[in-house]
Amino acid sequence: MDWIDWRDQKWRDRADCTGAHPDMFFPPRGASTREAREICGGCMARADCFMFAMTFHQTLGIWGGYSTRERARIKREDRAEATYNMLLRLQPKVELWVS
């Protein structure tokens, strides 16, 4: 995996959750995470968000569309890099118009 300085959190600037209420991403146990996952689904920063959570051991909340339990399973199965690469492939493509 390419080296990324995760202390630089510029990825948050392009995250679709910017401005959303944080409670949506940190719901009480048993509450729905549907709205948070819908926001994450098309987010340009989804892969970076996921990898930030994995790198800094975020134990609560929805990060990159994954719950705490799902991230723990991915970590146990040592699939973080594969999941990150899959998210990069799935995220919306940015088209640049050059004149």
N, C-alpha and C. Protein backbone atom coordinates (compact mmCIF):
# COMPACT_ATOMS: atom_id res chain seq x y z
N MET A 1 0.84 -1.17 0.00
CA MET A 1 0.00 0.00 0.00
C MET A 1 0.89 1.23 0.00
N ASP A 2 0.49 2.24 -0.75
CA ASP A 2 1.23 3.49 -0.76
C ASP A 2 1.17 4.15 0.60
N TRP A 3 2.26 4.83 0.95
CA TRP A 3 2.33 5.54 2.22
C TRP A 3 1.43 6.76 2.16
N ILE A 4 0.56 6.90 3.13
CA ILE A 4 -0.32 8.06 3.25
C ILE A 4 -0.15 8.59 4.66
N ASP A 5 0.05 9.89 4.78
CA ASP A 5 0.16 10.51 6.10
C ASP A 5 -1.26 10.75 6.61
N TRP A 6 -1.75 9.87 7.46
CA TRP A 6 -3.13 9.93 7.93
C TRP A 6 -3.35 11.06 8.92
N ARG A 7 -2.27 11.71 9.38
CA ARG A 7 -2.45 12.89 10.23
C ARG A 7 -3.00 14.05 9.41
N ASP A 8 -2.75 14.03 8.11
CA ASP A 8 -3.29 15.03 7.19
C ASP A 8 -4.70 14.57 6.84
N GLN A 9 -5.67 15.26 7.37
CA GLN A 9 -7.04 14.80 7.19
C GLN A 9 -7.81 15.62 6.16
N LYS A 10 -7.14 16.00 5.08
CA LYS A 10 -7.80 16.76 4.02
C LYS A 10 -8.93 15.97 3.38
N TRP A 11 -8.89 14.66 3.50
CA TRP A 11 -9.96 13.83 2.96
C TRP A 11 -11.30 14.22 3.57
N ARG A 12 -11.29 14.71 4.80
CA ARG A 12 -12.54 15.10 5.45
C ARG A 12 -13.22 16.26 4.73
N ASP A 13 -12.42 17.09 4.06
CA ASP A 13 -12.99 18.23 3.33
C ASP A 13 -13.89 17.80 2.18
N ARG A 14 -13.64 16.63 1.61
CA ARG A 14 -14.45 16.16 0.49
C ARG A 14 -15.45 15.08 0.90
N ALA A 15 -15.55 14.84 2.21
CA ALA A 15 -16.47 13.81 2.72
C ALA A 15 -17.92 14.30 2.65
N ASP A 16 -18.80 13.41 2.23
CA ASP A 16 -20.23 13.75 2.12
C ASP A 16 -20.88 13.96 3.48
N CYS A 17 -20.25 13.48 4.53
CA CYS A 17 -20.83 13.61 5.87
C CYS A 17 -20.54 14.96 6.51
N THR A 18 -19.72 15.77 5.87
CA THR A 18 -19.42 17.10 6.41
C THR A 18 -20.73 17.85 6.58
N GLY A 19 -21.00 18.31 7.78
CA GLY A 19 -22.23 19.03 8.06
C GLY A 19 -23.36 18.14 8.55
N ALA A 20 -23.23 16.83 8.40
CA ALA A 20 -24.26 15.91 8.91
C ALA A 20 -24.13 15.82 10.43
N HIS A 21 -25.23 15.52 11.09
CA HIS A 21 -25.20 15.41 12.55
C HIS A 21 -24.38 14.17 12.95
N PRO A 22 -23.41 14.35 13.84
CA PRO A 22 -22.54 13.22 14.23
C PRO A 22 -23.29 12.04 14.83
N ASP A 23 -24.44 12.29 15.47
CA ASP A 23 -25.19 11.18 16.06
C ASP A 23 -25.60 10.15 15.02
N MET A 24 -25.73 10.58 13.77
CA MET A 24 -26.10 9.67 12.70
C MET A 24 -25.02 8.59 12.52
N PHE A 25 -23.77 8.96 12.76
CA PHE A 25 -22.65 8.05 12.56
C PHE A 25 -22.21 7.35 13.85
N PHE A 26 -22.79 7.76 14.96
CA PHE A 26 -22.49 7.16 16.26
C PHE A 26 -23.81 6.86 16.97
N PRO A 27 -24.64 6.00 16.36
CA PRO A 27 -25.96 5.72 16.93
C PRO A 27 -25.85 4.84 18.18
N PRO A 28 -26.87 4.90 19.03
CA PRO A 28 -26.88 4.00 20.19
C PRO A 28 -26.97 2.54 19.72
N ARG A 29 -26.51 1.65 20.55
CA ARG A 29 -26.53 0.22 20.22
C ARG A 29 -27.93 -0.21 19.79
N GLY A 30 -27.99 -0.88 18.65
CA GLY A 30 -29.25 -1.41 18.14
C GLY A 30 -30.02 -0.44 17.24
N ALA A 31 -29.61 0.82 17.19
CA ALA A 31 -30.29 1.80 16.35
C ALA A 31 -29.86 1.61 14.89
N SER A 32 -30.66 2.11 13.99
CA SER A 32 -30.38 1.97 12.56
C SER A 32 -29.16 2.78 12.14
N THR A 33 -28.40 2.20 11.24
CA THR A 33 -27.24 2.88 10.64
C THR A 33 -27.49 3.16 9.15
N ARG A 34 -28.72 2.94 8.72
CA ARG A 34 -29.07 3.05 7.30
C ARG A 34 -28.72 4.41 6.73
N GLU A 35 -29.11 5.49 7.41
CA GLU A 35 -28.85 6.83 6.87
C GLU A 35 -27.36 7.10 6.73
N ALA A 36 -26.59 6.71 7.72
CA ALA A 36 -25.14 6.91 7.67
C ALA A 36 -24.54 6.13 6.50
N ARG A 37 -24.96 4.89 6.35
CA ARG A 37 -24.43 4.05 5.27
C ARG A 37 -24.81 4.59 3.89
N GLU A 38 -26.00 5.18 3.79
CA GLU A 38 -26.41 5.79 2.51
C GLU A 38 -25.51 6.96 2.17
N ILE A 39 -25.17 7.77 3.16
CA ILE A 39 -24.26 8.90 2.92
C ILE A 39 -22.89 8.37 2.50
N CYS A 40 -22.41 7.35 3.18
CA CYS A 40 -21.09 6.78 2.88
C CYS A 40 -21.06 6.14 1.49
N GLY A 41 -22.18 5.61 1.07
CA GLY A 41 -22.24 4.84 -0.17
C GLY A 41 -21.66 5.53 -1.40
N GLY A 42 -21.94 6.80 -1.55
CA GLY A 42 -21.45 7.50 -2.73
C GLY A 42 -20.35 8.51 -2.44
N CYS A 43 -19.75 8.40 -1.28
CA CYS A 43 -18.79 9.41 -0.84
C CYS A 43 -17.42 9.25 -1.49
N MET A 44 -16.86 10.39 -1.93
CA MET A 44 -15.53 10.40 -2.55
C MET A 44 -14.43 10.06 -1.55
N ALA A 45 -14.69 10.24 -0.27
CA ALA A 45 -13.67 10.03 0.76
C ALA A 45 -13.86 8.70 1.50
N ARG A 46 -14.72 7.85 1.00
CA ARG A 46 -15.07 6.63 1.72
C ARG A 46 -13.85 5.75 2.03
N ALA A 47 -13.00 5.52 1.05
CA ALA A 47 -11.83 4.65 1.27
C ALA A 47 -10.88 5.26 2.29
N ASP A 48 -10.66 6.57 2.19
CA ASP A 48 -9.77 7.23 3.15
C ASP A 48 -10.35 7.22 4.55
N CYS A 49 -11.65 7.42 4.65
CA CYS A 49 -12.34 7.38 5.95
C CYS A 49 -12.19 6.00 6.59
N PHE A 50 -12.44 4.97 5.79
CA PHE A 50 -12.29 3.60 6.28
C PHE A 50 -10.87 3.34 6.78
N MET A 51 -9.90 3.73 5.97
CA MET A 51 -8.51 3.45 6.34
C MET A 51 -8.08 4.27 7.55
N PHE A 52 -8.59 5.48 7.69
CA PHE A 52 -8.32 6.28 8.88
C PHE A 52 -8.81 5.53 10.12
N ALA A 53 -10.03 5.02 10.05
CA ALA A 53 -10.60 4.28 11.19
C ALA A 53 -9.78 3.04 11.52
N MET A 54 -9.31 2.35 10.49
CA MET A 54 -8.51 1.14 10.73
C MET A 54 -7.14 1.49 11.29
N THR A 55 -6.54 2.55 10.78
CA THR A 55 -5.20 2.94 11.21
C THR A 55 -5.19 3.44 12.64
N PHE A 56 -6.22 4.22 13.00
CA PHE A 56 -6.26 4.82 14.33
C PHE A 56 -7.21 4.10 15.27
N HIS A 57 -7.57 2.87 14.92
CA HIS A 57 -8.33 1.97 15.80
C HIS A 57 -9.60 2.62 16.35
N GLN A 58 -10.37 3.22 15.46
CA GLN A 58 -11.65 3.80 15.87
C GLN A 58 -12.58 2.66 16.27
N THR A 59 -13.00 2.66 17.50
CA THR A 59 -13.79 1.54 18.02
C THR A 59 -15.28 1.82 18.04
N LEU A 60 -15.67 3.02 17.69
CA LEU A 60 -17.10 3.35 17.70
C LEU A 60 -17.48 4.02 16.39
N GLY A 61 -18.71 3.83 15.99
CA GLY A 61 -19.26 4.57 14.87
C GLY A 61 -19.12 3.92 13.51
N ILE A 62 -19.76 4.58 12.55
CA ILE A 62 -19.71 4.17 11.15
C ILE A 62 -18.59 4.97 10.49
N TRP A 63 -17.65 4.29 9.90
CA TRP A 63 -16.51 4.92 9.21
C TRP A 63 -16.37 4.25 7.86
N GLY A 64 -16.44 5.02 6.79
CA GLY A 64 -16.32 4.43 5.46
C GLY A 64 -17.44 3.46 5.13
N GLY A 65 -18.55 3.59 5.84
CA GLY A 65 -19.69 2.70 5.59
C GLY A 65 -19.66 1.41 6.38
N TYR A 66 -18.67 1.24 7.25
CA TYR A 66 -18.53 0.00 8.03
C TYR A 66 -18.75 0.26 9.51
N SER A 67 -19.44 -0.65 10.15
CA SER A 67 -19.69 -0.56 11.59
C SER A 67 -18.47 -1.03 12.37
N THR A 68 -18.50 -0.79 13.66
CA THR A 68 -17.42 -1.24 14.55
C THR A 68 -17.21 -2.74 14.41
N ARG A 69 -18.29 -3.48 14.42
CA ARG A 69 -18.22 -4.95 14.34
C ARG A 69 -17.63 -5.39 12.99
N GLU A 70 -18.06 -4.74 11.92
CA GLU A 70 -17.55 -5.10 10.59
C GLU A 70 -16.06 -4.79 10.47
N ARG A 71 -15.64 -3.64 11.00
CA ARG A 71 -14.22 -3.30 10.95
C ARG A 71 -13.39 -4.26 11.77
N ALA A 72 -13.91 -4.68 12.92
CA ALA A 72 -13.19 -5.65 13.76
C ALA A 72 -13.03 -6.97 13.02
N ARG A 73 -14.08 -7.40 12.30
CA ARG A 73 -13.99 -8.65 11.54
C ARG A 73 -12.94 -8.52 10.43
N ILE A 74 -12.95 -7.40 9.72
CA ILE A 74 -11.97 -7.18 8.65
C ILE A 74 -10.56 -7.20 9.22
N LYS A 75 -10.39 -6.57 10.36
CA LYS A 75 -9.06 -6.53 10.99
C LYS A 75 -8.62 -7.94 11.42
N ARG A 76 -9.54 -8.69 12.01
CA ARG A 76 -9.23 -10.08 12.42
C ARG A 76 -8.82 -10.92 11.22
N GLU A 77 -9.51 -10.70 10.12
CA GLU A 77 -9.23 -11.47 8.91
C GLU A 77 -8.08 -10.87 8.11
N ASP A 78 -7.51 -9.78 8.63
CA ASP A 78 -6.36 -9.13 8.00
C ASP A 78 -6.66 -8.75 6.55
N ARG A 79 -7.82 -8.14 6.37
CA ARG A 79 -8.26 -7.75 5.03
C ARG A 79 -8.35 -6.25 4.86
N ALA A 80 -7.74 -5.46 5.72
CA ALA A 80 -7.88 -4.01 5.65
C ALA A 80 -7.39 -3.45 4.32
N GLU A 81 -6.23 -3.88 3.87
CA GLU A 81 -5.68 -3.35 2.62
C GLU A 81 -6.56 -3.74 1.43
N ALA A 82 -7.04 -4.97 1.41
CA ALA A 82 -7.90 -5.42 0.32
C ALA A 82 -9.21 -4.63 0.31
N THR A 83 -9.76 -4.37 1.49
CA THR A 83 -11.01 -3.61 1.59
C THR A 83 -10.79 -2.18 1.13
N TYR A 84 -9.69 -1.58 1.54
CA TYR A 84 -9.35 -0.22 1.13
C TYR A 84 -9.27 -0.13 -0.40
N ASN A 85 -8.57 -1.07 -1.01
CA ASN A 85 -8.43 -1.07 -2.47
C ASN A 85 -9.77 -1.27 -3.17
N MET A 86 -10.63 -2.12 -2.57
CA MET A 86 -11.96 -2.33 -3.13
C MET A 86 -12.78 -1.04 -3.05
N LEU A 87 -12.70 -0.33 -1.93
CA LEU A 87 -13.43 0.93 -1.78
C LEU A 87 -12.94 1.98 -2.77
N LEU A 88 -11.64 2.02 -3.01
CA LEU A 88 -11.10 2.95 -4.00
C LEU A 88 -11.70 2.69 -5.38
N ARG A 89 -11.84 1.42 -5.72
CA ARG A 89 -12.41 1.07 -7.02
C ARG A 89 -13.89 1.44 -7.10
N LEU A 90 -14.61 1.35 -5.98
CA LEU A 90 -16.05 1.60 -5.98
C LEU A 90 -16.43 3.06 -5.88
N GLN A 91 -15.53 3.89 -5.34
CA GLN A 91 -15.92 5.28 -5.12
C GLN A 91 -16.15 5.99 -6.45
N PRO A 92 -17.03 6.99 -6.42
CA PRO A 92 -17.34 7.71 -7.66
C PRO A 92 -16.08 8.31 -8.28
N LYS A 93 -16.07 8.29 -9.58
CA LYS A 93 -14.93 8.85 -10.30
C LYS A 93 -15.15 10.34 -10.50
N VAL A 94 -14.08 11.08 -10.39
CA VAL A 94 -14.13 12.52 -10.63
C VAL A 94 -13.66 12.75 -12.06
N GLU A 95 -14.50 13.41 -12.83
CA GLU A 95 -14.10 13.73 -14.19
C GLU A 95 -13.63 15.17 -14.23
N LEU A 96 -12.47 15.37 -14.76
CA LEU A 96 -11.93 16.70 -14.88
C LEU A 96 -12.08 17.17 -16.31
N TRP A 97 -12.64 18.34 -16.47
CA TRP A 97 -12.81 18.92 -17.80
C TRP A 97 -11.64 19.84 -18.05
N VAL A 98 -10.90 19.53 -19.06
CA VAL A 98 -9.76 20.35 -19.43
C VAL A 98 -10.09 21.07 -20.73
N SER A 99 -9.95 22.39 -20.71
CA SER A 99 -10.27 23.13 -21.93
C SER A 99 -9.01 23.48 -22.69
